[in-house]
Amino acid sequence: AYSPGDDVRRIDWNVTARMQDPYIRETIADRELEAWLVVDRSARLDFGTATCEKR
């Protein structure tokens, strides 16, 4: 629910229209999210001939 002093840019206007009460979006800061990058560099991904090799 909206409280005086809340940032009006965070108001979810679609929910507000349905509920007839100002509703604030709850967001998670990007710095709290966790991301993983996995790279498979094993030999089984190498294929082709010496003259025409795809990597």
Protein backbone atom coordinates (compact mmCIF):
# COMPACT_ATOMS: atom_id res chain seq x y z
CA ALA A 1 0.00 0.00 0.00
CA TYR A 2 1.11 3.55 -0.67
CA SER A 3 2.28 5.73 2.19
CA PRO A 4 2.95 9.46 1.95
CA GLY A 5 6.60 9.94 1.05
CA ASP A 6 6.82 6.81 -1.13
CA ASP A 7 8.29 7.36 -4.59
CA VAL A 8 5.34 7.82 -6.96
CA ARG A 9 7.39 6.22 -9.77
CA ARG A 10 7.02 2.87 -7.96
CA ILE A 11 3.20 2.95 -8.09
CA ASP A 12 1.84 -0.03 -10.05
CA TRP A 13 -0.95 1.68 -11.95
CA ASN A 14 -2.57 -1.55 -13.22
CA VAL A 15 -2.97 -2.96 -9.70
CA THR A 16 -4.03 0.45 -8.39
CA ALA A 17 -6.83 0.58 -10.99
CA ARG A 18 -8.11 -2.86 -9.94
CA MET A 19 -7.86 -2.34 -6.17
CA GLN A 20 -8.97 1.32 -6.08
CA ASP A 21 -6.06 1.95 -3.67
CA PRO A 22 -2.55 3.09 -4.61
CA TYR A 23 -0.23 0.06 -4.72
CA ILE A 24 3.59 0.20 -4.62
CA ARG A 25 5.72 -2.32 -6.58
CA GLU A 26 8.12 -4.27 -4.41
CA THR A 27 11.42 -4.76 -6.21
CA ILE A 28 14.65 -6.61 -5.47
CA ALA A 29 17.81 -4.60 -5.94
CA ASP A 30 20.06 -5.98 -8.70
CA ARG A 31 22.98 -6.27 -6.32
CA GLU A 32 21.06 -8.91 -4.33
CA LEU A 33 20.57 -11.18 -7.35
CA GLU A 34 22.98 -14.00 -8.05
CA ALA A 35 24.16 -14.90 -11.54
CA TRP A 36 26.14 -17.94 -12.70
CA LEU A 37 28.14 -18.33 -15.88
CA VAL A 38 29.18 -21.86 -16.79
CA VAL A 39 31.62 -22.49 -19.64
CA ASP A 40 32.33 -25.99 -20.94
CA ARG A 41 35.79 -26.02 -22.51
CA SER A 42 36.16 -29.79 -22.75
CA ALA A 43 37.64 -31.43 -25.86
CA ARG A 44 34.34 -33.05 -26.86
CA LEU A 45 33.16 -29.66 -28.16
CA ASP A 46 36.03 -29.53 -30.69
CA PHE A 47 35.11 -31.07 -34.04
CA GLY A 48 36.14 -30.82 -37.67
CA THR A 49 39.35 -31.42 -39.60
CA ALA A 50 42.65 -29.61 -39.19
CA THR A 51 41.86 -27.38 -42.20
CA CYS A 52 38.24 -26.77 -41.32
CA GLU A 53 37.80 -26.75 -37.58
CA LYS A 54 34.82 -25.25 -35.80
CA ARG A 55 35.03 -23.93 -32.29
